[in-house]
């Protein structure tokens, strides 16, 4: 399968649910089940699954930028034209169709995090 990374689309980010709403979609058993699959296949060092959620309402020209401070990630909105000044890349991706992936968050992580929307 080919993975197609689409350009940023603020409508994709806008469609994500709030943290409160998304946290009620899955339960601990489902989260542990996904974790077991990742561990069973030996991907625990290279895969992270995140429940797609919206931190803020963004303006049409803004994107979510995540900065890491030790074990803490802080998300804040920035104007999309400023991304190159931060030296960041897409690190949170939403799978829209079978092979259509859209960035919903940017950061300086080496690995890319994949988000599956329900």
PDB file of N, CA and C in Angstrom:
ATOM      1  N   UNK A   1       0.835  -1.174   0.000  1.00  0.00           N
ATOM      2  CA  UNK A   1       0.000   0.000   0.000  1.00  0.00           C
ATOM      3  C   UNK A   1       0.881   1.240   0.000  1.00  0.00           C
ATOM      4  N   UNK A   2       0.504   2.236  -0.762  1.00  0.00           N
ATOM      5  CA  UNK A   2       1.210   3.502  -0.828  1.00  0.00           C
ATOM      6  C   UNK A   2       0.571   4.488   0.140  1.00  0.00           C
ATOM      7  N   UNK A   3       1.400   5.216   0.853  1.00  0.00           N
ATOM      8  CA  UNK A   3       0.916   6.245   1.768  1.00  0.00           C
ATOM      9  C   UNK A   3       1.055   7.593   1.091  1.00  0.00           C
ATOM     10  N   UNK A   4      -0.031   8.328   1.002  1.00  0.00           N
ATOM     11  CA  UNK A   4      -0.027   9.652   0.389  1.00  0.00           C
ATOM     12  C   UNK A   4      -0.168  10.684   1.496  1.00  0.00           C
ATOM     13  N   UNK A   5       0.846  11.551   1.651  1.00  0.00           N
ATOM     14  CA  UNK A   5       0.778  12.617   2.648  1.00  0.00           C
ATOM     15  C   UNK A   5       0.224  13.859   1.973  1.00  0.00           C
ATOM     16  N   UNK A   6      -0.977  14.198   2.333  1.00  0.00           N
ATOM     17  CA  UNK A   6      -1.652  15.362   1.761  1.00  0.00           C
ATOM     18  C   UNK A   6      -1.168  16.638   2.430  1.00  0.00           C
ATOM     19  N   UNK A   7      -1.376  17.780   1.788  1.00  0.00           N
ATOM     20  CA  UNK A   7      -1.036  19.051   2.435  1.00  0.00           C
ATOM     21  C   UNK A   7      -1.940  19.289   3.646  1.00  0.00           C
ATOM     22  N   UNK A   8      -1.516  20.160   4.528  1.00  0.00           N
ATOM     23  CA  UNK A   8      -2.325  20.510   5.698  1.00  0.00           C
ATOM     24  C   UNK A   8      -3.676  21.052   5.249  1.00  0.00           C
ATOM     25  N   UNK A   9      -4.720  20.629   5.942  1.00  0.00           N
ATOM     26  CA  UNK A   9      -6.084  21.081   5.655  1.00  0.00           C
ATOM     27  C   UNK A   9      -6.738  21.396   6.992  1.00  0.00           C
ATOM     28  N   UNK A  10      -6.989  22.678   7.258  1.00  0.00           N
ATOM     29  CA  UNK A  10      -7.547  23.057   8.555  1.00  0.00           C
ATOM     30  C   UNK A  10      -8.914  22.427   8.823  1.00  0.00           C
ATOM     31  N   UNK A  11      -9.622  22.018   7.784  1.00  0.00           N
ATOM     32  CA  UNK A  11     -10.936  21.374   7.975  1.00  0.00           C
ATOM     33  C   UNK A  11     -10.787  20.011   8.653  1.00  0.00           C
ATOM     34  N   UNK A  12      -9.676  19.318   8.385  1.00  0.00           N
ATOM     35  CA  UNK A  12      -9.421  18.024   9.031  1.00  0.00           C
ATOM     36  C   UNK A  12      -9.206  18.233  10.524  1.00  0.00           C
ATOM     37  N   UNK A  13      -8.367  19.215  10.876  1.00  0.00           N
ATOM     38  CA  UNK A  13      -8.151  19.507  12.297  1.00  0.00           C
ATOM     39  C   UNK A  13      -9.459  19.951  12.955  1.00  0.00           C
ATOM     40  N   UNK A  14     -10.204  20.822  12.298  1.00  0.00           N
ATOM     41  CA  UNK A  14     -11.451  21.327  12.858  1.00  0.00           C
ATOM     42  C   UNK A  14     -12.457  20.212  13.139  1.00  0.00           C
ATOM     43  N   UNK A  15     -12.382  19.120  12.360  1.00  0.00           N
ATOM     44  CA  UNK A  15     -13.334  18.011  12.520  1.00  0.00           C
ATOM     45  C   UNK A  15     -12.996  17.101  13.701  1.00  0.00           C
ATOM     46  N   UNK A  16     -11.797  17.252  14.281  1.00  0.00           N
ATOM     47  CA  UNK A  16     -11.436  16.423  15.434  1.00  0.00           C
ATOM     48  C   UNK A  16     -12.295  16.802  16.631  1.00  0.00           C
ATOM     49  N   UNK A  17     -12.631  15.821  17.438  1.00  0.00           N
ATOM     50  CA  UNK A  17     -13.435  16.078  18.630  1.00  0.00           C
ATOM     51  C   UNK A  17     -12.611  16.705  19.741  1.00  0.00           C
ATOM     52  N   UNK A  18     -13.297  17.267  20.722  1.00  0.00           N
ATOM     53  CA  UNK A  18     -12.612  17.841  21.878  1.00  0.00           C
ATOM     54  C   UNK A  18     -11.992  16.731  22.719  1.00  0.00           C
ATOM     55  N   UNK A  19     -11.054  17.087  23.557  1.00  0.00           N
ATOM     56  CA  UNK A  19     -10.394  16.108  24.424  1.00  0.00           C
ATOM     57  C   UNK A  19     -11.437  15.364  25.265  1.00  0.00           C
ATOM     58  N   UNK A  20     -12.386  16.085  25.843  1.00  0.00           N
ATOM     59  CA  UNK A  20     -13.411  15.469  26.692  1.00  0.00           C
ATOM     60  C   UNK A  20     -14.258  14.479  25.900  1.00  0.00           C
ATOM     61  N   UNK A  21     -14.697  14.865  24.728  1.00  0.00           N
ATOM     62  CA  UNK A  21     -15.536  14.003  23.902  1.00  0.00           C
ATOM     63  C   UNK A  21     -14.772  12.754  23.450  1.00  0.00           C
ATOM     64  N   UNK A  22     -13.558  12.944  22.959  1.00  0.00           N
ATOM     65  CA  UNK A  22     -12.771  11.829  22.424  1.00  0.00           C
ATOM     66  C   UNK A  22     -12.397  10.836  23.520  1.00  0.00           C
ATOM     67  N   UNK A  23     -12.145  11.332  24.744  1.00  0.00           N
ATOM     68  CA  UNK A  23     -11.750  10.433  25.834  1.00  0.00           C
ATOM     69  C   UNK A  23     -12.857   9.453  26.198  1.00  0.00           C
ATOM     70  N   UNK A  24     -14.082   9.729  25.801  1.00  0.00           N
ATOM     71  CA  UNK A  24     -15.208   8.838  26.097  1.00  0.00           C
ATOM     72  C   UNK A  24     -15.480   7.827  24.990  1.00  0.00           C
ATOM     73  N   UNK A  25     -14.730   7.906  23.878  1.00  0.00           N
ATOM     74  CA  UNK A  25     -14.974   7.029  22.735  1.00  0.00           C
ATOM     75  C   UNK A  25     -14.474   5.609  22.988  1.00  0.00           C
ATOM     76  N   UNK A  26     -13.342   5.492  23.661  1.00  0.00           N
ATOM     77  CA  UNK A  26     -12.767   4.171  23.909  1.00  0.00           C
ATOM     78  C   UNK A  26     -12.625   3.950  25.408  1.00  0.00           C
ATOM     79  N   UNK A  27     -12.551   2.675  25.776  1.00  0.00           N
ATOM     80  CA  UNK A  27     -12.347   2.368  27.188  1.00  0.00           C
ATOM     81  C   UNK A  27     -10.960   1.756  27.386  1.00  0.00           C
ATOM     82  N   UNK A  28     -10.610   1.513  28.628  1.00  0.00           N
ATOM     83  CA  UNK A  28      -9.275   1.015  28.967  1.00  0.00           C
ATOM     84  C   UNK A  28      -8.984  -0.335  28.316  1.00  0.00           C
ATOM     85  N   UNK A  29      -9.995  -1.190  28.223  1.00  0.00           N
ATOM     86  CA  UNK A  29      -9.807  -2.512  27.607  1.00  0.00           C
ATOM     87  C   UNK A  29      -9.401  -2.365  26.132  1.00  0.00           C
ATOM     88  N   UNK A  30     -10.053  -1.449  25.414  1.00  0.00           N
ATOM     89  CA  UNK A  30      -9.712  -1.230  24.006  1.00  0.00           C
ATOM     90  C   UNK A  30      -8.299  -0.653  23.858  1.00  0.00           C
ATOM     91  N   UNK A  31      -7.946   0.276  24.722  1.00  0.00           N
ATOM     92  CA  UNK A  31      -6.607   0.868  24.671  1.00  0.00           C
ATOM     93  C   UNK A  31      -5.559  -0.203  24.939  1.00  0.00           C
ATOM     94  N   UNK A  32      -5.791  -1.034  25.952  1.00  0.00           N
ATOM     95  CA  UNK A  32      -4.851  -2.113  26.260  1.00  0.00           C
ATOM     96  C   UNK A  32      -4.768  -3.126  25.125  1.00  0.00           C
ATOM     97  N   UNK A  33      -5.873  -3.360  24.419  1.00  0.00           N
ATOM     98  CA  UNK A  33      -5.874  -4.273  23.276  1.00  0.00           C
ATOM     99  C   UNK A  33      -4.987  -3.780  22.150  1.00  0.00           C
ATOM    100  N   UNK A  34      -5.050  -2.482  21.872  1.00  0.00           N
ATOM    101  CA  UNK A  34      -4.174  -1.905  20.844  1.00  0.00           C
ATOM    102  C   UNK A  34      -2.721  -2.002  21.298  1.00  0.00           C
ATOM    103  N   UNK A  35      -2.474  -1.703  22.565  1.00  0.00           N
ATOM    104  CA  UNK A  35      -1.119  -1.807  23.100  1.00  0.00           C
ATOM    105  C   UNK A  35      -0.566  -3.217  22.990  1.00  0.00           C
ATOM    106  N   UNK A  36      -1.401  -4.216  23.243  1.00  0.00           N
ATOM    107  CA  UNK A  36      -0.967  -5.614  23.146  1.00  0.00           C
ATOM    108  C   UNK A  36      -0.564  -5.955  21.713  1.00  0.00           C
ATOM    109  N   UNK A  37      -1.330  -5.483  20.748  1.00  0.00           N
ATOM    110  CA  UNK A  37      -1.000  -5.736  19.339  1.00  0.00           C
ATOM    111  C   UNK A  37       0.350  -5.109  18.995  1.00  0.00           C
ATOM    112  N   UNK A  38       0.572  -3.882  19.429  1.00  0.00           N
ATOM    113  CA  UNK A  38       1.840  -3.202  19.155  1.00  0.00           C
ATOM    114  C   UNK A  38       3.003  -3.975  19.769  1.00  0.00           C
ATOM    115  N   UNK A  39       2.841  -4.407  21.006  1.00  0.00           N
ATOM    116  CA  UNK A  39       3.905  -5.153  21.688  1.00  0.00           C
ATOM    117  C   UNK A  39       4.109  -6.520  21.050  1.00  0.00           C
ATOM    118  N   UNK A  40       3.003  -7.214  20.731  1.00  0.00           N
ATOM    119  CA  UNK A  40       3.108  -8.547  20.121  1.00  0.00           C
ATOM    120  C   UNK A  40       3.892  -8.530  18.816  1.00  0.00           C
ATOM    121  N   UNK A  41       3.798  -7.429  18.072  1.00  0.00           N
ATOM    122  CA  UNK A  41       4.511  -7.329  16.798  1.00  0.00           C
ATOM    123  C   UNK A  41       5.863  -6.628  16.929  1.00  0.00           C
ATOM    124  N   UNK A  42       6.259  -6.285  18.162  1.00  0.00           N
ATOM    125  CA  UNK A  42       7.578  -5.711  18.399  1.00  0.00           C
ATOM    126  C   UNK A  42       7.741  -4.263  17.991  1.00  0.00           C
ATOM    127  N   UNK A  43       6.647  -3.509  17.961  1.00  0.00           N
ATOM    128  CA  UNK A  43       6.723  -2.109  17.528  1.00  0.00           C
ATOM    129  C   UNK A  43       6.689  -1.107  18.685  1.00  0.00           C
ATOM    130  N   UNK A  44       6.830  -1.584  19.914  1.00  0.00           N
ATOM    131  CA  UNK A  44       6.674  -0.679  21.058  1.00  0.00           C
ATOM    132  C   UNK A  44       7.701   0.451  21.098  1.00  0.00           C
ATOM    133  N   UNK A  45       8.818   0.317  20.418  1.00  0.00           N
ATOM    134  CA  UNK A  45       9.838   1.381  20.389  1.00  0.00           C
ATOM    135  C   UNK A  45       9.642   2.343  19.215  1.00  0.00           C
ATOM    136  N   UNK A  46       8.737   2.014  18.281  1.00  0.00           N
ATOM    137  CA  UNK A  46       8.621   2.849  17.089  1.00  0.00           C
ATOM    138  C   UNK A  46       7.199   3.285  16.753  1.00  0.00           C
ATOM    139  N   UNK A  47       6.206   2.856  17.537  1.00  0.00           N
ATOM    140  CA  UNK A  47       4.817   3.215  17.235  1.00  0.00           C
ATOM    141  C   UNK A  47       4.168   3.837  18.467  1.00  0.00           C
ATOM    142  N   UNK A  48       3.440   4.922  18.227  1.00  0.00           N
ATOM    143  CA  UNK A  48       2.634   5.530  19.278  1.00  0.00           C
ATOM    144  C   UNK A  48       1.262   5.801  18.677  1.00  0.00           C
ATOM    145  N   UNK A  49       0.232   5.398  19.362  1.00  0.00           N
ATOM    146  CA  UNK A  49      -1.129   5.648  18.898  1.00  0.00           C
ATOM    147  C   UNK A  49      -1.717   6.749  19.776  1.00  0.00           C
ATOM    148  N   UNK A  50      -2.333   7.715  19.137  1.00  0.00           N
ATOM    149  CA  UNK A  50      -2.939   8.839  19.836  1.00  0.00           C
ATOM    150  C   UNK A  50      -4.402   8.937  19.438  1.00  0.00           C
ATOM    151  N   UNK A  51      -5.279   9.188  20.406  1.00  0.00           N
ATOM    152  CA  UNK A  51      -6.672   9.445  20.068  1.00  0.00           C
ATOM    153  C   UNK A  51      -6.748  10.855  19.490  1.00  0.00           C
ATOM    154  N   UNK A  52      -7.215  10.952  18.271  1.00  0.00           N
ATOM    155  CA  UNK A  52      -7.288  12.250  17.593  1.00  0.00           C
ATOM    156  C   UNK A  52      -8.219  13.177  18.362  1.00  0.00           C
ATOM    157  N   UNK A  53      -7.704  14.334  18.745  1.00  0.00           N
ATOM    158  CA  UNK A  53      -8.515  15.305  19.469  1.00  0.00           C
ATOM    159  C   UNK A  53      -8.026  16.722  19.180  1.00  0.00           C
ATOM    160  N   UNK A  54      -8.915  17.659  19.455  1.00  0.00           N
ATOM    161  CA  UNK A  54      -8.627  19.070  19.190  1.00  0.00           C
ATOM    162  C   UNK A  54      -8.344  19.767  20.519  1.00  0.00           C
ATOM    163  N   UNK A  55      -7.215  20.463  20.595  1.00  0.00           N
ATOM    164  CA  UNK A  55      -6.885  21.229  21.792  1.00  0.00           C
ATOM    165  C   UNK A  55      -7.545  22.607  21.777  1.00  0.00           C
ATOM    166  N   UNK A  56      -7.490  23.252  20.631  1.00  0.00           N
ATOM    167  CA  UNK A  56      -7.979  24.617  20.481  1.00  0.00           C
ATOM    168  C   UNK A  56      -8.743  24.731  19.172  1.00  0.00           C
ATOM    169  N   UNK A  57      -9.570  25.750  19.080  1.00  0.00           N
ATOM    170  CA  UNK A  57     -10.101  26.129  17.778  1.00  0.00           C
ATOM    171  C   UNK A  57      -9.021  26.979  17.126  1.00  0.00           C
ATOM    172  N   UNK A  58      -8.650  26.631  15.907  1.00  0.00           N
ATOM    173  CA  UNK A  58      -7.593  27.346  15.203  1.00  0.00           C
ATOM    174  C   UNK A  58      -8.169  28.262  14.137  1.00  0.00           C
ATOM    175  N   UNK A  59      -7.474  29.356  13.882  1.00  0.00           N
ATOM    176  CA  UNK A  59      -7.815  30.208  12.740  1.00  0.00           C
ATOM    177  C   UNK A  59      -7.437  29.460  11.468  1.00  0.00           C
ATOM    178  N   UNK A  60      -7.998  29.854  10.338  1.00  0.00           N
ATOM    179  CA  UNK A  60      -7.734  29.174   9.069  1.00  0.00           C
ATOM    180  C   UNK A  60      -6.253  29.141   8.707  1.00  0.00           C
ATOM    181  N   UNK A  61      -5.467  30.104   9.198  1.00  0.00           N
ATOM    182  CA  UNK A  61      -4.043  30.160   8.848  1.00  0.00           C
ATOM    183  C   UNK A  61      -3.146  29.607   9.958  1.00  0.00           C
ATOM    184  N   UNK A  62      -3.719  28.902  10.924  1.00  0.00           N
ATOM    185  CA  UNK A  62      -2.938  28.358  12.036  1.00  0.00           C
ATOM    186  C   UNK A  62      -2.857  26.835  11.980  1.00  0.00           C
ATOM    187  N   UNK A  63      -1.805  26.301  12.592  1.00  0.00           N
ATOM    188  CA  UNK A  63      -1.622  24.858  12.770  1.00  0.00           C
ATOM    189  C   UNK A  63      -1.232  24.617  14.225  1.00  0.00           C
ATOM    190  N   UNK A  64      -1.315  23.353  14.653  1.00  0.00           N
ATOM    191  CA  UNK A  64      -0.931  22.981  16.006  1.00  0.00           C
ATOM    192  C   UNK A  64       0.548  22.605  16.019  1.00  0.00           C
ATOM    193  N   UNK A  65       1.313  23.268  16.867  1.00  0.00           N
ATOM    194  CA  UNK A  65       2.742  22.995  17.018  1.00  0.00           C
ATOM    195  C   UNK A  65       2.958  22.387  18.400  1.00  0.00           C
ATOM    196  N   UNK A  66       3.580  21.198  18.429  1.00  0.00           N
ATOM    197  CA  UNK A  66       3.899  20.546  19.698  1.00  0.00           C
ATOM    198  C   UNK A  66       5.391  20.683  19.965  1.00  0.00           C
ATOM    199  N   UNK A  67       5.723  21.121  21.166  1.00  0.00           N
ATOM    200  CA  UNK A  67       7.106  21.252  21.595  1.00  0.00           C
ATOM    201  C   UNK A  67       7.313  20.312  22.768  1.00  0.00           C
ATOM    202  N   UNK A  68       8.438  19.608  22.777  1.00  0.00           N
ATOM    203  CA  UNK A  68       8.739  18.646  23.827  1.00  0.00           C
ATOM    204  C   UNK A  68       9.680  19.261  24.848  1.00  0.00           C
ATOM    205  N   UNK A  69       9.314  19.109  26.115  1.00  0.00           N
ATOM    206  CA  UNK A  69      10.146  19.511  27.243  1.00  0.00           C
ATOM    207  C   UNK A  69      10.294  18.277  28.128  1.00  0.00           C
ATOM    208  N   UNK A  70      11.355  17.500  27.913  1.00  0.00           N
ATOM    209  CA  UNK A  70      11.522  16.243  28.653  1.00  0.00           C
ATOM    210  C   UNK A  70      10.425  15.271  28.267  1.00  0.00           C
ATOM    211  N   UNK A  71       9.631  14.833  29.232  1.00  0.00           N
ATOM    212  CA  UNK A  71       8.523  13.909  28.981  1.00  0.00           C
ATOM    213  C   UNK A  71       7.209  14.622  28.701  1.00  0.00           C
ATOM    214  N   UNK A  72       7.228  15.932  28.632  1.00  0.00           N
ATOM    215  CA  UNK A  72       6.005  16.718  28.462  1.00  0.00           C
ATOM    216  C   UNK A  72       5.965  17.302  27.054  1.00  0.00           C
ATOM    217  N   UNK A  73       4.782  17.195  26.417  1.00  0.00           N
ATOM    218  CA  UNK A  73       4.569  17.831  25.115  1.00  0.00           C
ATOM    219  C   UNK A  73       3.559  18.958  25.308  1.00  0.00           C
ATOM    220  N   UNK A  74       3.911  20.142  24.844  1.00  0.00           N
ATOM    221  CA  UNK A  74       3.041  21.308  24.952  1.00  0.00           C
ATOM    222  C   UNK A  74       2.601  21.702  23.553  1.00  0.00           C
ATOM    223  N   UNK A  75       1.288  21.813  23.365  1.00  0.00           N
ATOM    224  CA  UNK A  75       0.732  22.178  22.061  1.00  0.00           C
ATOM    225  C   UNK A  75       0.275  23.630  22.090  1.00  0.00           C
ATOM    226  N   UNK A  76       0.569  24.332  20.989  1.00  0.00           N
ATOM    227  CA  UNK A  76       0.107  25.710  20.862  1.00  0.00           C
ATOM    228  C   UNK A  76      -0.129  26.018  19.391  1.00  0.00           C
ATOM    229  N   UNK A  77      -1.073  26.919  19.107  1.00  0.00           N
ATOM    230  CA  UNK A  77      -1.310  27.300  17.717  1.00  0.00           C
ATOM    231  C   UNK A  77      -0.245  28.273  17.224  1.00  0.00           C
ATOM    232  N   UNK A  78       0.178  28.092  15.972  1.00  0.00           N
ATOM    233  CA  UNK A  78       1.096  29.028  15.309  1.00  0.00           C
ATOM    234  C   UNK A  78       0.610  29.258  13.880  1.00  0.00           C
ATOM    235  N   UNK A  79       0.984  30.389  13.325  1.00  0.00           N
ATOM    236  CA  UNK A  79       0.633  30.701  11.938  1.00  0.00           C
ATOM    237  C   UNK A  79       1.411  29.753  11.031  1.00  0.00           C
ATOM    238  N   UNK A  80       0.737  29.146  10.069  1.00  0.00           N
ATOM    239  CA  UNK A  80       1.332  28.107   9.229  1.00  0.00           C
ATOM    240  C   UNK A  80       2.594  28.594   8.514  1.00  0.00           C
ATOM    241  N   UNK A  81       2.634  29.859   8.116  1.00  0.00           N
ATOM    242  CA  UNK A  81       3.801  30.391   7.426  1.00  0.00           C
ATOM    243  C   UNK A  81       5.038  30.424   8.321  1.00  0.00           C
ATOM    244  N   UNK A  82       4.877  30.338   9.637  1.00  0.00           N
ATOM    245  CA  UNK A  82       6.001  30.370  10.574  1.00  0.00           C
ATOM    246  C   UNK A  82       6.616  28.996  10.818  1.00  0.00           C
ATOM    247  N   UNK A  83       6.012  27.931  10.305  1.00  0.00           N
ATOM    248  CA  UNK A  83       6.500  26.577  10.583  1.00  0.00           C
ATOM    249  C   UNK A  83       7.956  26.382  10.181  1.00  0.00           C
ATOM    250  N   UNK A  84       8.349  26.922   9.025  1.00  0.00           N
ATOM    251  CA  UNK A  84       9.726  26.707   8.561  1.00  0.00           C
ATOM    252  C   UNK A  84      10.738  27.315   9.527  1.00  0.00           C
ATOM    253  N   UNK A  85      10.384  28.374  10.227  1.00  0.00           N
ATOM    254  CA  UNK A  85      11.283  29.002  11.196  1.00  0.00           C
ATOM    255  C   UNK A  85      11.539  28.088  12.396  1.00  0.00           C
ATOM    256  N   UNK A  86      10.597  27.181  12.679  1.00  0.00           N
ATOM    257  CA  UNK A  86      10.740  26.262  13.807  1.00  0.00           C
ATOM    258  C   UNK A  86      11.470  24.980  13.412  1.00  0.00           C
ATOM    259  N   UNK A  87      11.654  24.750  12.106  1.00  0.00           N
ATOM    260  CA  UNK A  87      12.320  23.528  11.652  1.00  0.00           C
ATOM    261  C   UNK A  87      11.556  22.266  12.021  1.00  0.00           C
ATOM    262  N   UNK A  88      10.253  22.305  11.846  1.00  0.00           N
ATOM    263  CA  UNK A  88       9.405  21.178  12.248  1.00  0.00           C
ATOM    264  C   UNK A  88       8.869  20.419  11.040  1.00  0.00           C
ATOM    265  N   UNK A  89       8.244  19.309  11.319  1.00  0.00           N
ATOM    266  CA  UNK A  89       7.646  18.451  10.286  1.00  0.00           C
ATOM    267  C   UNK A  89       6.306  17.932  10.805  1.00  0.00           C
ATOM    268  N   UNK A  90       5.485  17.374   9.922  1.00  0.00           N
ATOM    269  CA  UNK A  90       4.240  16.762  10.408  1.00  0.00           C
ATOM    270  C   UNK A  90       4.575  15.576  11.315  1.00  0.00           C
ATOM    271  N   UNK A  91       4.017  15.561  12.522  1.00  0.00           N
ATOM    272  CA  UNK A  91       4.270  14.449  13.443  1.00  0.00           C
ATOM    273  C   UNK A  91       2.990  13.768  13.904  1.00  0.00           C
ATOM    274  N   UNK A  92       1.860  14.406  13.682  1.00  0.00           N
ATOM    275  CA  UNK A  92       0.569  13.794  13.980  1.00  0.00           C
ATOM    276  C   UNK A  92      -0.226  13.756  12.688  1.00  0.00           C
ATOM    277  N   UNK A  93      -0.581  12.550  12.270  1.00  0.00           N
ATOM    278  CA  UNK A  93      -1.274  12.359  10.996  1.00  0.00           C
ATOM    279  C   UNK A  93      -2.633  11.734  11.231  1.00  0.00           C
ATOM    280  N   UNK A  94      -3.615  12.188  10.482  1.00  0.00           N
ATOM    281  CA  UNK A  94      -4.950  11.601  10.518  1.00  0.00           C
ATOM    282  C   UNK A  94      -5.154  10.818   9.227  1.00  0.00           C
ATOM    283  N   UNK A  95      -5.591   9.569   9.354  1.00  0.00           N
ATOM    284  CA  UNK A  95      -5.882   8.737   8.187  1.00  0.00           C
ATOM    285  C   UNK A  95      -7.312   9.029   7.764  1.00  0.00           C
ATOM    286  N   UNK A  96      -7.466   9.604   6.590  1.00  0.00           N
ATOM    287  CA  UNK A  96      -8.782  10.003   6.110  1.00  0.00           C
ATOM    288  C   UNK A  96      -9.406   8.911   5.253  1.00  0.00           C
ATOM    289  N   UNK A  97      -8.640   8.340   4.365  1.00  0.00           N
ATOM    290  CA  UNK A  97      -9.065   7.205   3.548  1.00  0.00           C
ATOM    291  C   UNK A  97      -7.983   6.140   3.683  1.00  0.00           C
ATOM    292  N   UNK A  98      -8.069   5.078   2.922  1.00  0.00           N
ATOM    293  CA  UNK A  98      -7.104   3.991   3.051  1.00  0.00           C
ATOM    294  C   UNK A  98      -5.655   4.437   2.903  1.00  0.00           C
ATOM    295  N   UNK A  99      -5.382   5.396   2.028  1.00  0.00           N
ATOM    296  CA  UNK A  99      -3.993   5.806   1.829  1.00  0.00           C
ATOM    297  C   UNK A  99      -3.814   7.319   1.870  1.00  0.00           C
ATOM    298  N   UNK A 100      -4.819   8.048   2.317  1.00  0.00           N
ATOM    299  CA  UNK A 100      -4.776   9.506   2.349  1.00  0.00           C
ATOM    300  C   UNK A 100      -4.539   9.963   3.788  1.00  0.00           C
ATOM    301  N   UNK A 101      -3.362  10.538   4.043  1.00  0.00           N
ATOM    302  CA  UNK A 101      -2.970  10.955   5.375  1.00  0.00           C
ATOM    303  C   UNK A 101      -2.814  12.465   5.404  1.00  0.00           C
ATOM    304  N   UNK A 102      -3.379  13.107   6.413  1.00  0.00           N
ATOM    305  CA  UNK A 102      -3.304  14.561   6.523  1.00  0.00           C
ATOM    306  C   UNK A 102      -2.631  14.950   7.834  1.00  0.00           C
ATOM    307  N   UNK A 103      -1.689  15.894   7.791  1.00  0.00           N
ATOM    308  CA  UNK A 103      -1.085  16.371   9.036  1.00  0.00           C
ATOM    309  C   UNK A 103      -2.112  17.124   9.877  1.00  0.00           C
ATOM    310  N   UNK A 104      -2.120  16.866  11.178  1.00  0.00           N
ATOM    311  CA  UNK A 104      -2.955  17.632  12.107  1.00  0.00           C
ATOM    312  C   UNK A 104      -2.111  18.235  13.230  1.00  0.00           C
ATOM    313  N   UNK A 105      -0.823  17.939  13.238  1.00  0.00           N
ATOM    314  CA  UNK A 105       0.083  18.502  14.233  1.00  0.00           C
ATOM    315  C   UNK A 105       1.519  18.457  13.743  1.00  0.00           C
ATOM    316  N   UNK A 106       2.317  19.417  14.168  1.00  0.00           N
ATOM    317  CA  UNK A 106       3.711  19.529  13.749  1.00  0.00           C
ATOM    318  C   UNK A 106       4.612  19.564  14.979  1.00  0.00           C
ATOM    319  N   UNK A 107       5.853  19.133  14.796  1.00  0.00           N
ATOM    320  CA  UNK A 107       6.803  19.145  15.895  1.00  0.00           C
ATOM    321  C   UNK A 107       8.180  18.748  15.418  1.00  0.00           C
ATOM    322  N   UNK A 108       9.104  18.559  16.370  1.00  0.00           N
ATOM    323  CA  UNK A 108      10.490  18.203  16.055  1.00  0.00           C
ATOM    324  C   UNK A 108      10.790  16.747  16.364  1.00  0.00           C
ATOM    325  N   UNK A 109       9.785  15.922  16.425  1.00  0.00           N
ATOM    326  CA  UNK A 109      10.001  14.510  16.703  1.00  0.00           C
ATOM    327  C   UNK A 109      10.657  13.841  15.510  1.00  0.00           C
ATOM    328  N   UNK A 110      11.469  12.858  15.753  1.00  0.00           N
ATOM    329  CA  UNK A 110      12.076  12.086  14.671  1.00  0.00           C
ATOM    330  C   UNK A 110      11.056  11.130  14.089  1.00  0.00           C
ATOM    331  N   UNK A 111      10.288  10.486  14.952  1.00  0.00           N
ATOM    332  CA  UNK A 111       9.286   9.548  14.469  1.00  0.00           C
ATOM    333  C   UNK A 111       7.991  10.271  14.145  1.00  0.00           C
ATOM    334  N   UNK A 112       7.209   9.687  13.254  1.00  0.00           N
ATOM    335  CA  UNK A 112       5.916  10.252  12.883  1.00  0.00           C
ATOM    336  C   UNK A 112       4.833   9.442  13.577  1.00  0.00           C
ATOM    337  N   UNK A 113       3.917  10.136  14.229  1.00  0.00           N
ATOM    338  CA  UNK A 113       2.816   9.496  14.930  1.00  0.00           C
ATOM    339  C   UNK A 113       1.631   9.393  13.990  1.00  0.00           C
ATOM    340  N   UNK A 114       0.982   8.244  13.943  1.00  0.00           N
ATOM    341  CA  UNK A 114      -0.152   8.027  13.067  1.00  0.00           C
ATOM    342  C   UNK A 114      -1.431   8.000  13.885  1.00  0.00           C
ATOM    343  N   UNK A 115      -2.431   8.712  13.434  1.00  0.00           N
ATOM    344  CA  UNK A 115      -3.704   8.782  14.114  1.00  0.00           C
ATOM    345  C   UNK A 115      -4.767   8.131  13.243  1.00  0.00           C
ATOM    346  N   UNK A 116      -5.532   7.211  13.812  1.00  0.00           N
ATOM    347  CA  UNK A 116      -6.651   6.597  13.108  1.00  0.00           C
ATOM    348  C   UNK A 116      -7.934   7.204  13.631  1.00  0.00           C
ATOM    349  N   UNK A 117      -8.702   7.816  12.752  1.00  0.00           N
ATOM    350  CA  UNK A 117      -9.985   8.394  13.156  1.00  0.00           C
ATOM    351  C   UNK A 117     -11.057   7.325  13.041  1.00  0.00           C
ATOM    352  N   UNK A 118     -12.005   7.338  13.956  1.00  0.00           N
ATOM    353  CA  UNK A 118     -13.167   6.448  13.882  1.00  0.00           C
ATOM    354  C   UNK A 118     -14.195   7.047  12.972  1.00  0.00           C
TER     355      UNK A 118
END
